[in-house]
Amino acid sequence: MKVLVTGASRGIGYCIAESFARRGDEVFATYRTTDTTLPLLRDKLAEDGFALRPVYCDVSNEKSVLALFEEIGDVDILVNNAGIAQFALLSDISGSDWDNMLNTNLKSAFLCSKIFSRGMIRKNFGRIINISSVWGIVGASCETHYSASKAGLCGFTRALAKELGPSGVTVNCIAPGVIETEMNAHLSDEDMAALCDETPLGRIGKPEDVAHAALFFAEADFITGETLSVGGGFGM
């Protein structure tokens, strides 16, 4: 199948892109800043006989997403993973901080889903997988704009699933808990230990844990509109 993974230059998106490629899919992996990780992954996968193509796209910009569509055409599976985070009190969040967070984390999913679902509707088949967060379900102090953007993805998923279901397109959401990525690099060892203690399974998650869930939704024919927590029980 043909797969598009946004925000794939590191962390969860990188792992999801690699997992779909190793499944035998043709993968397009987007990045927004100058990046060296995806070309290295492309070359490593090519040695093993798998296909991944890095593509530039600012997925929060409609013209950029349209240009991406013109470049790669229809896809069978869309993984809306692109996202940023910021730790700040509400009183310290500027209007531009809020707009940047919502544009990157939520508007990007709207734009990519709108543009790439058209081909899925024509084919009467497609998978859209949105990457939210446990904070989109339970909320996080000092991350109100991040929590709002991720909660929006959960609502967007449920609504779009109802809209696209008659066209054979499933729309599901993954809500990772605490995962070992650069997004959590600002946390101290003590903070990470405390989060680990709060996780019933007793460990911090890995990007591979989220990738497994994405592969599951890609195969699921009769599941749509769901948000699956992948966090070892964190936030229950």
Protein backbone atom coordinates (compact mmCIF):
# COMPACT_ATOMS: atom_id res chain seq x y z
CA MET A 1 0.00 0.00 0.00
CA LYS A 2 0.94 3.66 -0.33
CA VAL A 3 1.44 5.35 3.03
CA LEU A 4 1.98 8.98 4.05
CA VAL A 5 3.40 9.69 7.52
CA THR A 6 3.69 13.33 8.57
CA GLY A 7 6.31 14.61 10.99
CA ALA A 8 8.45 11.54 10.43
CA SER A 9 11.98 12.86 10.95
CA ARG A 10 12.22 11.62 14.53
CA GLY A 11 10.52 9.88 17.42
CA ILE A 12 7.12 8.28 16.93
CA GLY A 13 6.70 9.37 13.30
CA TYR A 14 10.13 8.01 12.35
CA CYS A 15 9.32 4.64 13.92
CA ILE A 16 5.89 4.47 12.30
CA ALA A 17 7.36 5.27 8.87
CA GLU A 18 10.02 2.59 9.26
CA SER A 19 7.47 0.02 10.47
CA PHE A 20 5.19 0.52 7.47
CA ALA A 21 8.17 0.39 5.10
CA ARG A 22 9.38 -2.87 6.61
CA ARG A 23 5.85 -4.23 6.17
CA GLY A 24 6.41 -3.77 2.44
CA ASP A 25 4.48 -0.54 1.92
CA GLU A 26 5.61 2.39 -0.21
CA VAL A 27 6.14 5.10 2.40
CA PHE A 28 6.35 8.87 2.02
CA ALA A 29 7.75 10.49 5.16
CA THR A 30 7.43 14.24 5.61
CA TYR A 31 9.78 16.65 7.34
CA ARG A 32 9.63 20.44 7.75
CA THR A 33 13.17 21.43 8.72
CA THR A 34 16.47 20.46 7.13
CA ASP A 35 16.90 16.84 8.06
CA THR A 36 19.50 14.09 7.78
CA THR A 37 17.72 11.27 9.61
CA LEU A 38 15.24 10.32 6.90
CA PRO A 39 17.79 10.03 4.06
CA LEU A 40 19.81 7.71 6.29
CA LEU A 41 16.70 5.66 7.03
CA ARG A 42 15.83 5.60 3.32
CA ASP A 43 19.25 4.21 2.46
CA LYS A 44 19.17 1.64 5.27
CA LEU A 45 15.75 0.42 4.18
CA ALA A 46 16.78 0.31 0.52
CA GLU A 47 19.62 -2.06 1.42
CA ASP A 48 16.99 -4.41 2.85
CA GLY A 49 14.72 -4.05 -0.19
CA PHE A 50 12.18 -1.62 1.31
CA ALA A 51 11.00 1.76 0.03
CA LEU A 52 10.82 5.05 1.90
CA ARG A 53 10.95 8.51 0.38
CA PRO A 54 11.56 11.66 2.45
CA VAL A 55 9.43 14.60 1.26
CA TYR A 56 9.38 18.19 2.46
CA CYS A 57 6.04 19.60 3.58
CA ASP A 58 4.82 22.22 6.01
CA VAL A 59 1.64 20.35 6.82
CA SER A 60 0.16 23.35 8.61
CA ASN A 61 0.15 25.26 5.30
CA GLU A 62 -2.53 24.43 2.73
CA LYS A 63 -0.41 25.39 -0.30
CA SER A 64 2.39 23.15 0.92
CA VAL A 65 0.02 20.20 1.44
CA LEU A 66 -1.49 20.72 -2.02
CA ALA A 67 2.03 20.76 -3.49
CA LEU A 68 2.74 17.49 -1.68
CA PHE A 69 -0.41 15.95 -3.14
CA GLU A 70 0.62 17.06 -6.63
CA GLU A 71 4.00 15.41 -6.04
CA ILE A 72 2.95 12.04 -4.62
CA GLY A 73 -0.73 11.61 -5.58
CA ASP A 74 -3.29 9.51 -3.73
CA VAL A 75 -2.38 7.39 -0.71
CA ASP A 76 -4.10 4.43 0.94
CA ILE A 77 -3.03 5.21 4.50
CA LEU A 78 -2.50 8.61 6.08
CA VAL A 79 -0.85 8.93 9.48
CA ASN A 80 -1.27 12.44 10.89
CA ASN A 81 1.63 12.49 13.32
CA ALA A 82 3.20 15.96 12.94
CA GLY A 83 3.23 17.75 16.27
CA ILE A 84 5.05 20.02 18.67
CA ALA A 85 4.92 20.56 22.43
CA GLN A 86 5.59 23.43 24.80
CA PHE A 87 5.64 23.52 28.61
CA ALA A 88 4.26 26.86 29.85
CA LEU A 89 1.76 28.40 32.21
CA LEU A 90 -1.41 29.66 30.54
CA SER A 91 -0.44 33.20 31.53
CA ASP A 92 2.85 32.84 29.64
CA ILE A 93 1.39 31.42 26.41
CA SER A 94 1.29 34.07 23.70
CA GLY A 95 -1.24 34.25 20.92
CA SER A 96 1.42 33.15 18.45
CA ASP A 97 2.33 30.20 20.72
CA TRP A 98 -1.32 29.14 20.72
CA ASP A 99 -1.70 29.53 16.95
CA ASN A 100 1.53 27.65 16.24
CA MET A 101 0.47 24.77 18.49
CA LEU A 102 -3.03 24.45 17.02
CA ASN A 103 -1.80 24.88 13.44
CA THR A 104 0.92 22.24 13.77
CA ASN A 105 -0.97 19.69 15.83
CA LEU A 106 -4.57 20.07 14.65
CA LYS A 107 -4.87 22.14 11.47
CA SER A 108 -2.29 19.89 9.81
CA ALA A 109 -4.52 16.85 10.35
CA PHE A 110 -7.49 18.77 8.94
CA LEU A 111 -5.58 19.82 5.81
CA CYS A 112 -4.01 16.43 5.10
CA SER A 113 -7.24 14.55 5.76
CA LYS A 114 -9.25 16.92 3.58
CA ILE A 115 -6.87 16.70 0.64
CA PHE A 116 -5.84 13.04 0.77
CA SER A 117 -9.25 11.59 1.70
CA ARG A 118 -10.59 12.55 -1.74
CA GLY A 119 -8.69 9.70 -3.38
CA MET A 120 -9.73 7.31 -0.62
CA ILE A 121 -13.38 8.18 -1.21
CA ARG A 122 -12.99 7.55 -4.95
CA LYS A 123 -11.45 4.13 -4.28
CA ASN A 124 -13.92 3.33 -1.49
CA PHE A 125 -10.98 2.44 0.75
CA GLY A 126 -8.66 4.25 3.09
CA ARG A 127 -7.17 4.51 6.54
CA ILE A 128 -6.62 7.75 8.45
CA ILE A 129 -4.72 7.42 11.72
CA ASN A 130 -4.32 10.46 13.97
CA ILE A 131 -1.67 10.64 16.67
CA SER A 132 -3.05 12.42 19.73
CA SER A 133 -1.81 12.14 23.34
CA VAL A 134 -2.97 10.99 26.74
CA TRP A 135 -3.04 14.72 27.58
CA GLY A 136 -5.75 15.10 24.95
CA ILE A 137 -7.89 12.82 27.13
CA VAL A 138 -7.03 13.84 30.70
CA GLY A 139 -5.35 17.25 30.19
CA ALA A 140 -1.98 18.42 31.49
CA SER A 141 -1.20 21.36 33.75
CA CYS A 142 1.15 23.86 32.07
CA GLU A 143 0.32 22.37 28.67
CA THR A 144 -3.14 23.79 28.03
CA HIS A 145 -2.58 24.59 24.36
CA TYR A 146 -0.96 21.20 23.72
CA SER A 147 -3.80 19.42 25.55
CA ALA A 148 -6.40 21.40 23.61
CA SER A 149 -4.82 20.54 20.27
CA LYS A 150 -4.65 16.85 21.11
CA ALA A 151 -8.21 16.77 22.47
CA GLY A 152 -9.26 18.37 19.21
CA LEU A 153 -7.72 15.47 17.32
CA CYS A 154 -9.84 13.00 19.29
CA GLY A 155 -13.03 14.91 18.44
CA PHE A 156 -11.95 15.35 14.83
CA THR A 157 -11.42 11.58 14.62
CA ARG A 158 -14.90 10.71 15.87
CA ALA A 159 -16.63 13.21 13.59
CA LEU A 160 -14.65 12.33 10.47
CA ALA A 161 -15.17 8.61 11.05
CA LYS A 162 -18.94 9.17 10.83
CA GLU A 163 -18.52 11.26 7.69
CA LEU A 164 -16.17 8.92 5.81
CA GLY A 165 -17.50 5.57 7.01
CA PRO A 166 -20.04 5.21 4.18
CA SER A 167 -17.15 5.64 1.73
CA GLY A 168 -15.19 2.73 3.17
CA VAL A 169 -12.64 4.91 4.98
CA THR A 170 -11.80 4.28 8.63
CA VAL A 171 -10.56 7.06 10.91
CA ASN A 172 -8.93 6.21 14.23
CA CYS A 173 -6.75 7.87 16.82
CA ILE A 174 -3.83 6.80 19.00
CA ALA A 175 -3.20 8.55 22.34
CA PRO A 176 0.36 7.77 23.48
CA GLY A 177 1.30 8.10 27.12
CA VAL A 178 4.84 8.93 28.17
CA ILE A 179 7.11 7.80 25.33
CA GLU A 180 10.92 7.91 25.06
CA THR A 181 11.30 10.70 22.49
CA GLU A 182 13.03 14.06 22.17
CA MET A 183 9.70 15.72 23.02
CA ASN A 184 10.26 14.61 26.63
CA ALA A 185 13.94 15.54 26.73
CA HIS A 186 13.20 18.54 28.97
CA LEU A 187 12.10 16.25 31.79
CA SER A 188 14.61 15.42 34.50
CA ASP A 189 15.55 11.88 35.51
CA GLU A 190 13.46 12.38 38.64
CA ASP A 191 10.45 13.45 36.57
CA MET A 192 10.81 10.44 34.29
CA ALA A 193 11.13 8.11 37.29
CA ALA A 194 7.97 9.58 38.79
CA LEU A 195 6.08 9.13 35.52
CA CYS A 196 7.31 5.56 35.34
CA ASP A 197 6.00 4.97 38.86
CA GLU A 198 2.60 6.35 37.79
CA THR A 199 2.43 3.89 34.89
CA PRO A 200 0.77 0.61 35.90
CA LEU A 201 3.02 -1.42 33.60
CA GLY A 202 6.04 0.14 35.30
CA ARG A 203 7.96 1.47 32.32
CA ILE A 204 8.13 4.35 29.90
CA GLY A 205 6.79 3.58 26.42
CA LYS A 206 8.85 3.24 23.27
CA PRO A 207 8.03 4.60 19.80
CA GLU A 208 7.66 0.99 18.67
CA ASP A 209 4.68 0.59 21.01
CA VAL A 210 2.85 3.35 19.13
CA ALA A 211 3.93 2.00 15.75
CA HIS A 212 2.38 -1.38 16.59
CA ALA A 213 -0.94 0.36 17.23
CA ALA A 214 -0.72 2.20 13.90
CA LEU A 215 -0.13 -1.09 12.10
CA PHE A 216 -3.13 -2.56 13.92
CA PHE A 217 -5.43 0.24 12.76
CA ALA A 218 -4.09 -0.11 9.22
CA GLU A 219 -5.27 -3.73 9.18
CA ALA A 220 -8.57 -3.23 11.03
CA ASP A 221 -11.60 -3.37 8.72
CA PHE A 222 -14.40 -2.86 11.24
CA ILE A 223 -12.98 -0.38 13.75
CA THR A 224 -13.48 3.34 13.26
CA GLY A 225 -13.90 6.47 15.35
CA GLU A 226 -11.87 5.03 18.21
CA THR A 227 -9.12 6.54 20.33
CA LEU A 228 -6.68 3.89 21.61
CA SER A 229 -4.50 4.78 24.61
CA VAL A 230 -0.98 3.42 24.29
CA GLY A 231 0.56 4.31 27.60
CA GLY A 232 0.85 1.27 29.81
CA GLY A 233 -2.21 2.40 31.75
CA PHE A 234 -0.89 5.92 32.44
CA GLY A 235 -3.66 8.46 32.94
CA MET A 236 -6.44 5.95 33.66
